[in-house]
Every structure is written in C-alpha cells, then in structure tokens.
Amino acid sequence: RWLAYRGPPINLSTLVLYPENSIINQSRDAQFLPGLTYENQAITDKRNNRVNADGFGVAWYTKGRKNACLYKSTQPSWGDSNLLELADHVESPTIFAHVRAASMGVASVQNCHPFKWKSFTFMHNGGISEFLKIKRRIQNLMEDEFFESLQGSTDSENIFYLFLSVLKRNLYDTKSRVKTVNMIQIEEATALEIAQALSDTIQKIVEL
C-alpha cells in the first residue's frame, strides 16, 4: 500500500498517523483489503494481504532542497517509535509513504520502498509476472551507473533503475545529440519527458 501527496505543506502525521484510514491503519486492518479476486485462490490471497508488516518507508521534500529525505525500516509501521516521533514534527508539501507486504525479495531496508536516486523518488505496488525469468534481461537494459546503484532484489527497484536508464536514453535521442547526458539534465527532465519514459519502460517490460 502506498500514498503520495502534493499540495500545501502538511504534517506527516496528517497522512501517516491520525486519520481513520491512515496508511498505518491500512497496514494492519482487514477492512481496507482491496477485494481483488482471481481464478487462482493463491493469487487472490496474495493480493489481499491482511497485514503489511514487512517494512515501510517515508520520503518527503523540503524547501530549498532538491533531494528527498528518506526514512525506511523493516519494522511494522505501527511499531516504529522513530516514525511516530518524526511524523509529528515534519512538515512537507510533497510526501511519499509505503507499507510493504513482501511479494519479491526478503524483508530488508534495501527492499523497502520508496527508492531514491538524486531528486527522483519511486514506489510501486504489484509485481512483474515471471520476474526472475526476465530479471537479467531487465538489468541488461540498464545504463551502468543505474545498474551499479541497485541495492536490493525487488522487481520494483529494478523497474526504477530501468526507468532512469530509459529516461536518460530518451533525453539523448531528443535533446543532447552528444555522447553523454549528464545527471543534471536527467534531474531537469520535464513531467512529459518523465511520463513518456515511464510509459516506454512499461512497454519494454511487457515485450520481455
């Protein structure tokens, strides 16, 4: 489960702690199950986790800083005293939060969302079908600097670094016309360029 907020600065606790449907309450309350059904009962059970207790992460942006601050833990979100303390004292106009029920990769900080690279923050819900069978092909499509940035083993992190690789190549094709696109150019990509790169990334994964 995840949430994203963009608007006037608000306290983290407004989203994470106090509402009846806060992400912490959603992570341990069966009434918030998505209610998805599949012919395969095992898949139905997997997609309707009653508890999301395999870690969490919160990222927020603050005035004057391009990169997000990121806090992640393998603790269940409702039991992490540091999160409870931070949420009451941090205010931000841009917030990402994620609670994890592991479907790929072990419970570790490296596998918790959100993932961050410079000014980009990414999180993902769901999974790539047959991921392990195409994992190497996905990584072969990554630029070296992004492949080397991988820390965990989830499909989500692989999607993120493939997306950044696609964005870099798209910028090279449309803007640069030189041998390299520097990191500043990637961070200055427009919303439309980012959206196109994400769409291209999904298409590449589907084709694999």
N, C-alpha and C. Protein backbone atom coordinates (compact mmCIF):
# COMPACT_ATOMS: atom_id res chain seq x y z
N ARG A 1 0.84 -1.18 0.00
CA ARG A 1 0.00 0.00 0.00
C ARG A 1 0.88 1.24 0.00
N TRP A 2 0.43 2.27 -0.67
CA TRP A 2 1.23 3.48 -0.71
C TRP A 2 0.33 4.70 -0.82
N LEU A 3 0.91 5.84 -0.54
CA LEU A 3 0.21 7.11 -0.75
C LEU A 3 1.22 8.13 -1.25
N ALA A 4 0.70 9.11 -1.97
CA ALA A 4 1.50 10.23 -2.43
C ALA A 4 0.69 11.50 -2.25
N TYR A 5 1.35 12.54 -1.79
CA TYR A 5 0.68 13.82 -1.54
C TYR A 5 1.51 14.93 -2.15
N ARG A 6 0.82 15.86 -2.84
CA ARG A 6 1.44 17.08 -3.35
C ARG A 6 0.47 18.21 -3.16
N GLY A 7 0.85 19.24 -2.38
CA GLY A 7 -0.04 20.35 -2.11
C GLY A 7 0.57 21.29 -1.09
N PRO A 8 -0.25 22.06 -0.41
CA PRO A 8 0.27 22.92 0.65
C PRO A 8 0.99 22.08 1.71
N PRO A 9 2.03 22.62 2.34
CA PRO A 9 2.76 21.84 3.34
C PRO A 9 1.83 21.35 4.45
N ILE A 10 1.95 20.06 4.78
CA ILE A 10 1.19 19.47 5.87
C ILE A 10 2.11 18.61 6.72
N ASN A 11 1.66 18.34 7.91
CA ASN A 11 2.41 17.48 8.82
C ASN A 11 2.29 16.04 8.37
N LEU A 12 3.39 15.28 8.45
CA LEU A 12 3.36 13.87 8.06
C LEU A 12 2.28 13.09 8.79
N SER A 13 2.08 13.42 10.05
CA SER A 13 1.11 12.68 10.86
C SER A 13 -0.31 12.80 10.31
N THR A 14 -0.58 13.90 9.55
CA THR A 14 -1.90 14.08 8.95
C THR A 14 -2.25 12.95 8.00
N LEU A 15 -1.24 12.39 7.36
CA LEU A 15 -1.46 11.28 6.43
C LEU A 15 -1.11 9.93 7.02
N VAL A 16 -0.06 9.91 7.82
CA VAL A 16 0.53 8.64 8.25
C VAL A 16 -0.08 8.10 9.53
N LEU A 17 -0.43 8.99 10.46
CA LEU A 17 -0.81 8.54 11.80
C LEU A 17 -2.29 8.64 12.13
N TYR A 18 -2.86 9.82 12.00
CA TYR A 18 -4.10 10.12 12.70
C TYR A 18 -5.42 9.80 11.98
N PRO A 19 -5.51 9.91 10.68
CA PRO A 19 -6.82 9.63 10.05
C PRO A 19 -7.25 8.18 10.28
N GLU A 20 -8.54 7.97 10.25
CA GLU A 20 -9.06 6.60 10.41
C GLU A 20 -8.52 5.68 9.33
N ASN A 21 -8.32 6.23 8.12
CA ASN A 21 -7.78 5.44 7.02
C ASN A 21 -6.31 5.77 6.75
N SER A 22 -5.57 6.17 7.78
CA SER A 22 -4.14 6.45 7.62
C SER A 22 -3.43 5.21 7.10
N ILE A 23 -2.27 5.42 6.52
CA ILE A 23 -1.57 4.28 5.93
C ILE A 23 -1.14 3.28 7.00
N ILE A 24 -0.90 3.76 8.22
CA ILE A 24 -0.57 2.82 9.30
C ILE A 24 -1.78 1.96 9.64
N ASN A 25 -2.95 2.57 9.72
CA ASN A 25 -4.15 1.77 10.00
C ASN A 25 -4.45 0.80 8.86
N GLN A 26 -4.23 1.25 7.63
CA GLN A 26 -4.45 0.36 6.49
C GLN A 26 -3.53 -0.85 6.52
N SER A 27 -2.34 -0.66 7.07
CA SER A 27 -1.35 -1.74 7.04
C SER A 27 -1.69 -2.89 7.98
N ARG A 28 -2.66 -2.71 8.88
CA ARG A 28 -2.97 -3.78 9.83
C ARG A 28 -4.47 -3.99 10.05
N ASP A 29 -5.29 -3.47 9.15
CA ASP A 29 -6.74 -3.57 9.33
C ASP A 29 -7.36 -4.20 8.09
N ALA A 30 -7.97 -5.36 8.24
CA ALA A 30 -8.52 -6.12 7.10
C ALA A 30 -9.63 -5.39 6.38
N GLN A 31 -10.28 -4.39 7.01
CA GLN A 31 -11.37 -3.70 6.33
C GLN A 31 -10.87 -2.90 5.13
N PHE A 32 -9.56 -2.68 5.04
CA PHE A 32 -9.01 -1.92 3.92
C PHE A 32 -8.48 -2.82 2.81
N LEU A 33 -8.80 -4.11 2.84
CA LEU A 33 -8.38 -5.01 1.77
C LEU A 33 -8.92 -4.50 0.43
N PRO A 34 -8.12 -4.63 -0.65
CA PRO A 34 -8.61 -4.15 -1.95
C PRO A 34 -9.75 -4.99 -2.52
N GLY A 35 -9.91 -6.23 -2.06
CA GLY A 35 -11.03 -7.06 -2.53
C GLY A 35 -10.87 -7.59 -3.94
N LEU A 36 -9.62 -7.78 -4.37
CA LEU A 36 -9.37 -8.33 -5.71
C LEU A 36 -9.63 -9.82 -5.72
N THR A 37 -10.14 -10.33 -6.83
CA THR A 37 -10.39 -11.75 -6.96
C THR A 37 -9.80 -12.29 -8.26
N TYR A 38 -9.26 -13.50 -8.18
CA TYR A 38 -8.67 -14.17 -9.33
C TYR A 38 -9.16 -15.62 -9.34
N GLU A 39 -9.06 -16.26 -10.49
CA GLU A 39 -9.43 -17.67 -10.56
C GLU A 39 -8.55 -18.51 -9.65
N ASN A 40 -7.29 -18.12 -9.57
CA ASN A 40 -6.33 -18.81 -8.70
C ASN A 40 -6.46 -18.25 -7.28
N GLN A 41 -6.91 -19.07 -6.33
CA GLN A 41 -7.13 -18.59 -4.97
C GLN A 41 -5.84 -18.13 -4.31
N ALA A 42 -4.73 -18.77 -4.65
CA ALA A 42 -3.45 -18.38 -4.06
C ALA A 42 -3.09 -16.95 -4.45
N ILE A 43 -3.37 -16.57 -5.69
CA ILE A 43 -3.10 -15.20 -6.14
C ILE A 43 -4.06 -14.24 -5.45
N THR A 44 -5.31 -14.63 -5.30
CA THR A 44 -6.29 -13.79 -4.60
C THR A 44 -5.81 -13.50 -3.18
N ASP A 45 -5.35 -14.53 -2.47
CA ASP A 45 -4.86 -14.35 -1.11
C ASP A 45 -3.64 -13.44 -1.08
N LYS A 46 -2.75 -13.61 -2.06
CA LYS A 46 -1.52 -12.81 -2.11
C LYS A 46 -1.81 -11.34 -2.33
N ARG A 47 -2.82 -11.05 -3.16
CA ARG A 47 -3.15 -9.67 -3.50
C ARG A 47 -4.07 -9.01 -2.46
N ASN A 48 -4.50 -9.76 -1.47
CA ASN A 48 -5.36 -9.21 -0.42
C ASN A 48 -4.74 -9.45 0.95
N ASN A 49 -3.49 -9.00 1.08
CA ASN A 49 -2.80 -9.17 2.35
C ASN A 49 -3.54 -8.47 3.47
N ARG A 50 -3.79 -9.20 4.54
CA ARG A 50 -4.48 -8.60 5.68
C ARG A 50 -3.55 -7.72 6.50
N VAL A 51 -2.26 -7.99 6.43
CA VAL A 51 -1.30 -7.20 7.19
C VAL A 51 -0.11 -6.88 6.29
N ASN A 52 0.30 -5.62 6.32
CA ASN A 52 1.50 -5.18 5.60
C ASN A 52 2.57 -4.87 6.64
N ALA A 53 3.35 -5.88 7.00
CA ALA A 53 4.24 -5.76 8.15
C ALA A 53 5.70 -6.03 7.82
N ASP A 54 6.04 -6.01 6.52
CA ASP A 54 7.41 -6.35 6.12
C ASP A 54 8.27 -5.11 5.89
N GLY A 55 7.94 -4.05 6.58
CA GLY A 55 8.72 -2.82 6.48
C GLY A 55 7.90 -1.67 5.91
N PHE A 56 8.49 -0.50 5.92
CA PHE A 56 7.81 0.70 5.42
C PHE A 56 8.86 1.73 5.03
N GLY A 57 8.40 2.77 4.38
CA GLY A 57 9.27 3.89 4.06
C GLY A 57 8.47 5.16 3.90
N VAL A 58 9.11 6.27 4.23
CA VAL A 58 8.51 7.59 4.05
C VAL A 58 9.57 8.50 3.43
N ALA A 59 9.18 9.23 2.39
CA ALA A 59 10.07 10.22 1.77
C ALA A 59 9.36 11.55 1.72
N TRP A 60 10.08 12.62 1.97
CA TRP A 60 9.47 13.95 1.91
C TRP A 60 10.49 14.97 1.41
N TYR A 61 9.98 15.97 0.71
CA TYR A 61 10.80 17.05 0.17
C TYR A 61 10.58 18.31 1.00
N THR A 62 11.65 19.06 1.20
CA THR A 62 11.57 20.29 1.98
C THR A 62 12.09 21.47 1.17
N LYS A 63 11.66 22.65 1.55
CA LYS A 63 12.01 23.87 0.83
C LYS A 63 13.52 24.05 0.77
N GLY A 64 14.00 24.35 -0.43
CA GLY A 64 15.42 24.64 -0.60
C GLY A 64 16.27 23.41 -0.86
N ARG A 65 15.67 22.23 -0.84
CA ARG A 65 16.44 21.00 -1.08
C ARG A 65 15.82 20.23 -2.24
N LYS A 66 16.64 19.87 -3.20
CA LYS A 66 16.16 19.16 -4.38
C LYS A 66 15.86 17.70 -4.08
N ASN A 67 16.67 17.08 -3.24
CA ASN A 67 16.52 15.65 -2.96
C ASN A 67 15.62 15.41 -1.76
N ALA A 68 14.91 14.31 -1.79
CA ALA A 68 14.01 13.96 -0.68
C ALA A 68 14.80 13.42 0.50
N CYS A 69 14.24 13.58 1.67
CA CYS A 69 14.72 12.90 2.87
C CYS A 69 13.98 11.56 2.93
N LEU A 70 14.69 10.50 3.22
CA LEU A 70 14.11 9.16 3.16
C LEU A 70 14.35 8.43 4.47
N TYR A 71 13.25 7.88 5.03
CA TYR A 71 13.36 7.06 6.24
C TYR A 71 12.69 5.73 5.97
N LYS A 72 13.44 4.63 6.15
CA LYS A 72 12.91 3.29 5.91
C LYS A 72 13.29 2.37 7.05
N SER A 73 12.47 1.37 7.26
CA SER A 73 12.73 0.41 8.33
C SER A 73 12.05 -0.91 8.00
N THR A 74 12.59 -1.99 8.54
CA THR A 74 11.95 -3.30 8.39
C THR A 74 10.93 -3.57 9.49
N GLN A 75 10.80 -2.62 10.43
CA GLN A 75 9.79 -2.76 11.47
C GLN A 75 8.39 -2.56 10.87
N PRO A 76 7.37 -3.19 11.45
CA PRO A 76 6.00 -2.81 11.07
C PRO A 76 5.80 -1.32 11.34
N SER A 77 5.10 -0.64 10.47
CA SER A 77 4.99 0.82 10.59
C SER A 77 4.40 1.25 11.92
N TRP A 78 3.44 0.46 12.44
CA TRP A 78 2.78 0.87 13.69
C TRP A 78 3.66 0.68 14.92
N GLY A 79 4.77 -0.03 14.77
CA GLY A 79 5.61 -0.31 15.93
C GLY A 79 6.93 0.42 15.93
N ASP A 80 7.13 1.33 15.00
CA ASP A 80 8.40 2.04 14.91
C ASP A 80 8.29 3.38 15.63
N SER A 81 8.93 3.49 16.77
CA SER A 81 8.81 4.70 17.59
C SER A 81 9.44 5.91 16.90
N ASN A 82 10.46 5.69 16.09
CA ASN A 82 11.08 6.81 15.38
C ASN A 82 10.13 7.42 14.36
N LEU A 83 9.37 6.58 13.66
CA LEU A 83 8.38 7.10 12.72
C LEU A 83 7.31 7.91 13.46
N LEU A 84 6.84 7.38 14.57
CA LEU A 84 5.81 8.08 15.33
C LEU A 84 6.30 9.45 15.79
N GLU A 85 7.58 9.53 16.14
CA GLU A 85 8.15 10.80 16.58
C GLU A 85 8.34 11.75 15.40
N LEU A 86 8.92 11.25 14.31
CA LEU A 86 9.17 12.09 13.14
C LEU A 86 7.88 12.66 12.56
N ALA A 87 6.87 11.82 12.46
CA ALA A 87 5.63 12.22 11.79
C ALA A 87 4.98 13.42 12.46
N ASP A 88 5.17 13.57 13.75
CA ASP A 88 4.57 14.70 14.46
C ASP A 88 5.38 15.98 14.33
N HIS A 89 6.59 15.90 13.76
CA HIS A 89 7.46 17.07 13.73
C HIS A 89 7.94 17.47 12.34
N VAL A 90 7.54 16.73 11.32
CA VAL A 90 8.00 17.02 9.96
C VAL A 90 6.83 17.53 9.13
N GLU A 91 7.07 18.61 8.40
CA GLU A 91 6.06 19.19 7.52
C GLU A 91 6.62 19.26 6.11
N SER A 92 5.79 18.95 5.12
CA SER A 92 6.27 18.92 3.74
C SER A 92 5.12 19.12 2.76
N PRO A 93 5.43 19.69 1.57
CA PRO A 93 4.42 19.81 0.52
C PRO A 93 4.37 18.58 -0.40
N THR A 94 5.36 17.69 -0.25
CA THR A 94 5.44 16.52 -1.13
C THR A 94 5.86 15.30 -0.31
N ILE A 95 4.97 14.33 -0.22
CA ILE A 95 5.18 13.19 0.67
C ILE A 95 4.88 11.89 -0.06
N PHE A 96 5.74 10.91 0.14
CA PHE A 96 5.52 9.54 -0.32
C PHE A 96 5.57 8.63 0.91
N ALA A 97 4.68 7.66 0.97
CA ALA A 97 4.72 6.68 2.07
C ALA A 97 4.30 5.32 1.53
N HIS A 98 4.92 4.28 2.07
CA HIS A 98 4.68 2.92 1.57
C HIS A 98 4.79 1.94 2.73
N VAL A 99 3.84 1.01 2.81
CA VAL A 99 3.94 -0.11 3.76
C VAL A 99 4.00 -1.39 2.94
N ARG A 100 4.86 -2.31 3.35
CA ARG A 100 5.22 -3.43 2.48
C ARG A 100 4.70 -4.76 3.00
N ALA A 101 4.12 -5.54 2.08
CA ALA A 101 3.88 -6.96 2.28
C ALA A 101 4.70 -7.65 1.21
N ALA A 102 5.80 -8.25 1.58
CA ALA A 102 6.80 -8.71 0.62
C ALA A 102 6.22 -9.73 -0.35
N SER A 103 6.33 -9.43 -1.63
CA SER A 103 5.97 -10.39 -2.67
C SER A 103 7.20 -10.80 -3.47
N MET A 104 8.28 -10.02 -3.34
CA MET A 104 9.52 -10.33 -4.05
C MET A 104 10.67 -9.80 -3.20
N GLY A 105 11.63 -10.68 -2.88
CA GLY A 105 12.76 -10.24 -2.07
C GLY A 105 12.49 -10.36 -0.59
N VAL A 106 13.54 -10.46 0.18
CA VAL A 106 13.43 -10.65 1.63
C VAL A 106 13.06 -9.32 2.29
N ALA A 107 12.69 -9.41 3.57
CA ALA A 107 12.41 -8.20 4.34
C ALA A 107 13.73 -7.56 4.73
N SER A 108 14.06 -6.48 4.08
CA SER A 108 15.30 -5.75 4.37
C SER A 108 15.07 -4.28 4.05
N VAL A 109 15.89 -3.43 4.64
CA VAL A 109 15.76 -2.00 4.37
C VAL A 109 15.96 -1.72 2.88
N GLN A 110 16.89 -2.44 2.25
CA GLN A 110 17.17 -2.22 0.83
C GLN A 110 15.96 -2.55 -0.05
N ASN A 111 15.09 -3.42 0.43
CA ASN A 111 13.92 -3.81 -0.36
C ASN A 111 12.67 -3.01 -0.02
N CYS A 112 12.75 -2.14 0.95
CA CYS A 112 11.60 -1.30 1.31
C CYS A 112 11.49 -0.10 0.36
N HIS A 113 10.28 0.25 0.03
CA HIS A 113 10.00 1.45 -0.76
C HIS A 113 9.90 2.64 0.20
N PRO A 114 9.98 3.87 -0.30
CA PRO A 114 10.31 4.26 -1.66
C PRO A 114 11.81 4.08 -1.95
N PHE A 115 12.13 4.12 -3.26
CA PHE A 115 13.52 4.10 -3.69
C PHE A 115 13.87 5.51 -4.17
N LYS A 116 15.13 5.87 -3.98
CA LYS A 116 15.53 7.25 -4.29
C LYS A 116 16.83 7.25 -5.08
N TRP A 117 16.86 8.11 -6.09
CA TRP A 117 18.10 8.41 -6.82
C TRP A 117 18.12 9.90 -7.07
N LYS A 118 19.06 10.59 -6.44
CA LYS A 118 19.14 12.04 -6.52
C LYS A 118 17.77 12.65 -6.24
N SER A 119 17.18 13.42 -7.17
CA SER A 119 15.91 14.09 -6.87
C SER A 119 14.69 13.22 -7.17
N PHE A 120 14.90 12.02 -7.70
CA PHE A 120 13.80 11.13 -8.05
C PHE A 120 13.44 10.20 -6.88
N THR A 121 12.15 10.04 -6.65
CA THR A 121 11.65 9.09 -5.66
C THR A 121 10.61 8.21 -6.35
N PHE A 122 10.66 6.92 -6.04
CA PHE A 122 9.82 5.96 -6.76
C PHE A 122 9.28 4.90 -5.80
N MET A 123 8.02 4.54 -5.99
CA MET A 123 7.45 3.39 -5.29
C MET A 123 6.45 2.72 -6.20
N HIS A 124 6.10 1.48 -5.87
CA HIS A 124 5.37 0.65 -6.81
C HIS A 124 4.56 -0.37 -6.04
N ASN A 125 3.38 -0.67 -6.54
CA ASN A 125 2.53 -1.70 -5.93
C ASN A 125 2.21 -2.75 -6.99
N GLY A 126 2.29 -4.01 -6.63
CA GLY A 126 2.04 -5.06 -7.60
C GLY A 126 3.32 -5.84 -7.87
N GLY A 127 3.39 -6.46 -9.02
CA GLY A 127 4.57 -7.26 -9.34
C GLY A 127 4.67 -7.55 -10.82
N ILE A 128 5.88 -7.83 -11.27
CA ILE A 128 6.13 -8.23 -12.64
C ILE A 128 5.98 -9.75 -12.72
N SER A 129 5.12 -10.21 -13.58
CA SER A 129 4.93 -11.64 -13.75
C SER A 129 6.24 -12.29 -14.22
N GLU A 130 6.56 -13.43 -13.62
CA GLU A 130 7.76 -14.18 -14.01
C GLU A 130 9.01 -13.30 -13.93
N PHE A 131 9.09 -12.48 -12.90
CA PHE A 131 10.20 -11.52 -12.80
C PHE A 131 11.56 -12.19 -12.85
N LEU A 132 11.74 -13.27 -12.11
CA LEU A 132 13.06 -13.91 -12.04
C LEU A 132 13.51 -14.43 -13.40
N LYS A 133 12.55 -14.75 -14.26
CA LYS A 133 12.90 -15.25 -15.59
C LYS A 133 13.39 -14.14 -16.52
N ILE A 134 13.00 -12.91 -16.24
CA ILE A 134 13.40 -11.80 -17.12
C ILE A 134 14.28 -10.78 -16.40
N LYS A 135 14.63 -11.05 -15.16
CA LYS A 135 15.41 -10.10 -14.36
C LYS A 135 16.71 -9.73 -15.06
N ARG A 136 17.44 -10.73 -15.56
CA ARG A 136 18.72 -10.44 -16.19
C ARG A 136 18.53 -9.58 -17.44
N ARG A 137 17.47 -9.84 -18.20
CA ARG A 137 17.22 -9.05 -19.41
C ARG A 137 16.87 -7.61 -19.05
N ILE A 138 16.12 -7.43 -17.95
CA ILE A 138 15.83 -6.08 -17.48
C ILE A 138 17.12 -5.35 -17.14
N GLN A 139 17.99 -6.02 -16.40
CA GLN A 139 19.23 -5.37 -15.97
C GLN A 139 20.17 -5.11 -17.13
N ASN A 140 20.10 -5.94 -18.16
CA ASN A 140 20.93 -5.70 -19.35
C ASN A 140 20.53 -4.43 -20.08
N LEU A 141 19.32 -3.94 -19.84
CA LEU A 141 18.85 -2.71 -20.47
C LEU A 141 19.20 -1.47 -19.66
N MET A 142 19.80 -1.65 -18.49
CA MET A 142 20.14 -0.52 -17.63
C MET A 142 21.48 0.09 -18.03
N GLU A 143 21.55 1.41 -17.90
CA GLU A 143 22.83 2.09 -18.01
C GLU A 143 23.71 1.69 -16.82
N ASP A 144 25.02 1.70 -17.02
CA ASP A 144 25.94 1.18 -15.99
C ASP A 144 25.75 1.85 -14.64
N GLU A 145 25.60 3.19 -14.64
CA GLU A 145 25.52 3.88 -13.36
C GLU A 145 24.26 3.51 -12.58
N PHE A 146 23.21 3.13 -13.29
CA PHE A 146 21.97 2.75 -12.61
C PHE A 146 22.02 1.28 -12.18
N PHE A 147 22.59 0.43 -13.00
CA PHE A 147 22.77 -0.96 -12.58
C PHE A 147 23.62 -1.02 -11.31
N GLU A 148 24.65 -0.19 -11.25
CA GLU A 148 25.55 -0.18 -10.10
C GLU A 148 24.89 0.41 -8.86
N SER A 149 23.76 1.09 -9.04
CA SER A 149 23.05 1.69 -7.90
C SER A 149 22.09 0.71 -7.24
N LEU A 150 21.81 -0.43 -7.87
CA LEU A 150 20.91 -1.42 -7.28
C LEU A 150 21.45 -1.90 -5.94
N GLN A 151 20.55 -1.94 -4.95
CA GLN A 151 20.93 -2.41 -3.63
C GLN A 151 20.13 -3.63 -3.18
N GLY A 152 18.88 -3.72 -3.61
CA GLY A 152 18.02 -4.80 -3.16
C GLY A 152 17.74 -5.80 -4.27
N SER A 153 16.67 -6.58 -4.07
CA SER A 153 16.36 -7.66 -5.02
C SER A 153 14.93 -7.61 -5.54
N THR A 154 14.23 -6.51 -5.31
CA THR A 154 12.82 -6.45 -5.72
C THR A 154 12.67 -6.09 -7.19
N ASP A 155 11.53 -6.51 -7.75
CA ASP A 155 11.21 -6.08 -9.10
C ASP A 155 11.00 -4.57 -9.15
N SER A 156 10.49 -4.01 -8.07
CA SER A 156 10.20 -2.56 -8.04
C SER A 156 11.46 -1.73 -8.22
N GLU A 157 12.52 -2.09 -7.53
CA GLU A 157 13.77 -1.32 -7.66
C GLU A 157 14.35 -1.48 -9.06
N ASN A 158 14.21 -2.67 -9.62
CA ASN A 158 14.67 -2.87 -10.99
C ASN A 158 13.88 -2.02 -11.98
N ILE A 159 12.57 -1.91 -11.76
CA ILE A 159 11.75 -1.02 -12.61
C ILE A 159 12.28 0.41 -12.52
N PHE A 160 12.57 0.86 -11.32
CA PHE A 160 13.02 2.23 -11.09
C PHE A 160 14.29 2.52 -11.88
N TYR A 161 15.28 1.65 -11.77
CA TYR A 161 16.55 1.93 -12.45
C TYR A 161 16.47 1.69 -13.95
N LEU A 162 15.58 0.83 -14.39
CA LEU A 162 15.34 0.72 -15.83
C LEU A 162 14.69 2.00 -16.33
N PHE A 163 13.71 2.53 -15.58
CA PHE A 163 13.06 3.79 -15.94
C PHE A 163 14.08 4.92 -16.08
N LEU A 164 15.00 5.04 -15.13
CA LEU A 164 16.01 6.10 -15.20
C LEU A 164 16.91 5.90 -16.42
N SER A 165 17.20 4.66 -16.74
CA SER A 165 18.01 4.37 -17.93
C SER A 165 17.28 4.78 -19.20
N VAL A 166 16.00 4.45 -19.26
CA VAL A 166 15.18 4.83 -20.42
C VAL A 166 15.08 6.35 -20.53
N LEU A 167 14.88 7.02 -19.40
CA LEU A 167 14.80 8.48 -19.41
C LEU A 167 16.10 9.08 -19.94
N LYS A 168 17.21 8.55 -19.50
CA LYS A 168 18.50 9.07 -19.97
C LYS A 168 18.63 8.89 -21.48
N ARG A 169 18.28 7.71 -21.98
CA ARG A 169 18.40 7.46 -23.42
C ARG A 169 17.42 8.32 -24.22
N ASN A 170 16.21 8.50 -23.68
CA ASN A 170 15.24 9.37 -24.37
C ASN A 170 15.76 10.80 -24.48
N LEU A 171 16.38 11.29 -23.42
CA LEU A 171 16.91 12.65 -23.45
C LEU A 171 18.06 12.75 -24.44
N TYR A 172 18.85 11.70 -24.52
CA TYR A 172 19.93 11.69 -25.51
C TYR A 172 19.37 11.76 -26.92
N ASP A 173 18.32 10.99 -27.17
CA ASP A 173 17.73 10.93 -28.51
C ASP A 173 17.07 12.24 -28.92
N THR A 174 16.46 12.93 -27.96
CA THR A 174 15.65 14.10 -28.31
C THR A 174 16.35 15.43 -28.07
N LYS A 175 17.35 15.46 -27.19
CA LYS A 175 17.92 16.74 -26.82
C LYS A 175 19.41 16.86 -27.09
N SER A 176 20.13 15.90 -26.60
CA SER A 176 21.56 16.10 -26.44
C SER A 176 22.34 16.02 -27.74
N ARG A 177 22.13 14.92 -28.47
CA ARG A 177 22.87 14.68 -29.70
C ARG A 177 24.38 14.65 -29.46
N VAL A 178 24.77 14.37 -28.23
CA VAL A 178 26.18 14.18 -27.91
C VAL A 178 26.32 12.82 -27.27
N LYS A 179 27.53 12.45 -26.94
CA LYS A 179 27.76 11.09 -26.47
C LYS A 179 27.18 10.82 -25.09
N THR A 180 27.04 11.83 -24.29
CA THR A 180 26.56 11.61 -22.92
C THR A 180 25.48 12.60 -22.55
N VAL A 181 24.63 12.18 -21.63
CA VAL A 181 23.66 13.06 -20.99
C VAL A 181 24.06 13.09 -19.52
N ASN A 182 24.31 14.29 -18.99
CA ASN A 182 24.79 14.34 -17.61
C ASN A 182 23.64 14.21 -16.62
N MET A 183 23.99 14.02 -15.35
CA MET A 183 23.00 13.78 -14.32
C MET A 183 22.09 14.99 -14.12
N ILE A 184 22.63 16.19 -14.32
CA ILE A 184 21.81 17.39 -14.14
C ILE A 184 20.69 17.41 -15.18
N GLN A 185 21.00 17.03 -16.41
CA GLN A 185 19.97 17.00 -17.46
C GLN A 185 18.85 16.01 -17.11
N ILE A 186 19.20 14.88 -16.53
CA ILE A 186 18.19 13.89 -16.14
C ILE A 186 17.30 14.48 -15.06
N GLU A 187 17.88 15.14 -14.08
CA GLU A 187 17.09 15.71 -12.98
C GLU A 187 16.21 16.86 -13.45
N GLU A 188 16.54 17.48 -14.56
CA GLU A 188 15.77 18.60 -15.06
C GLU A 188 14.75 18.18 -16.12
N ALA A 189 14.53 16.88 -16.28
CA ALA A 189 13.54 16.40 -17.24
C ALA A 189 12.16 16.95 -16.89
N THR A 190 11.36 17.21 -17.90
CA THR A 190 10.01 17.74 -17.68
C THR A 190 9.05 16.61 -17.29
N ALA A 191 7.88 16.99 -16.81
CA ALA A 191 6.88 15.99 -16.44
C ALA A 191 6.49 15.13 -17.63
N LEU A 192 6.38 15.75 -18.82
CA LEU A 192 6.02 14.99 -20.02
C LEU A 192 7.13 14.01 -20.39
N GLU A 193 8.37 14.43 -20.26
CA GLU A 193 9.50 13.53 -20.56
C GLU A 193 9.55 12.37 -19.57
N ILE A 194 9.26 12.65 -18.32
CA ILE A 194 9.23 11.60 -17.31
C ILE A 194 8.10 10.62 -17.58
N ALA A 195 6.92 11.15 -17.90
CA ALA A 195 5.77 10.29 -18.20
C ALA A 195 6.05 9.41 -19.42
N GLN A 196 6.67 9.97 -20.43
CA GLN A 196 6.99 9.18 -21.63
C GLN A 196 7.99 8.08 -21.31
N ALA A 197 8.99 8.40 -20.50
CA ALA A 197 9.99 7.39 -20.12
C ALA A 197 9.35 6.27 -19.32
N LEU A 198 8.41 6.60 -18.44
CA LEU A 198 7.73 5.57 -17.66
C LEU A 198 6.89 4.67 -18.56
N SER A 199 6.18 5.29 -19.51
CA SER A 199 5.39 4.51 -20.46
C SER A 199 6.29 3.60 -21.29
N ASP A 200 7.43 4.12 -21.74
CA ASP A 200 8.37 3.31 -22.52
C ASP A 200 8.93 2.17 -21.69
N THR A 201 9.17 2.42 -20.40
CA THR A 201 9.70 1.40 -19.50
C THR A 201 8.71 0.24 -19.37
N ILE A 202 7.45 0.57 -19.16
CA ILE A 202 6.41 -0.46 -19.04
C ILE A 202 6.33 -1.29 -20.32
N GLN A 203 6.41 -0.60 -21.46
CA GLN A 203 6.34 -1.31 -22.74
C GLN A 203 7.52 -2.26 -22.92
N LYS A 204 8.70 -1.83 -22.52
CA LYS A 204 9.88 -2.70 -22.63
C LYS A 204 9.72 -3.94 -21.77
N ILE A 205 9.18 -3.79 -20.57
CA ILE A 205 9.00 -4.94 -19.68
C ILE A 205 7.97 -5.89 -20.26
N VAL A 206 6.89 -5.35 -20.80
CA VAL A 206 5.87 -6.18 -21.43
C VAL A 206 6.46 -6.99 -22.59
N GLU A 207 7.33 -6.35 -23.36
CA GLU A 207 7.93 -7.02 -24.52
C GLU A 207 8.90 -8.12 -24.13
N LEU A 208 9.45 -8.04 -22.91
CA LEU A 208 10.37 -9.08 -22.45
C LEU A 208 9.64 -10.39 -22.14
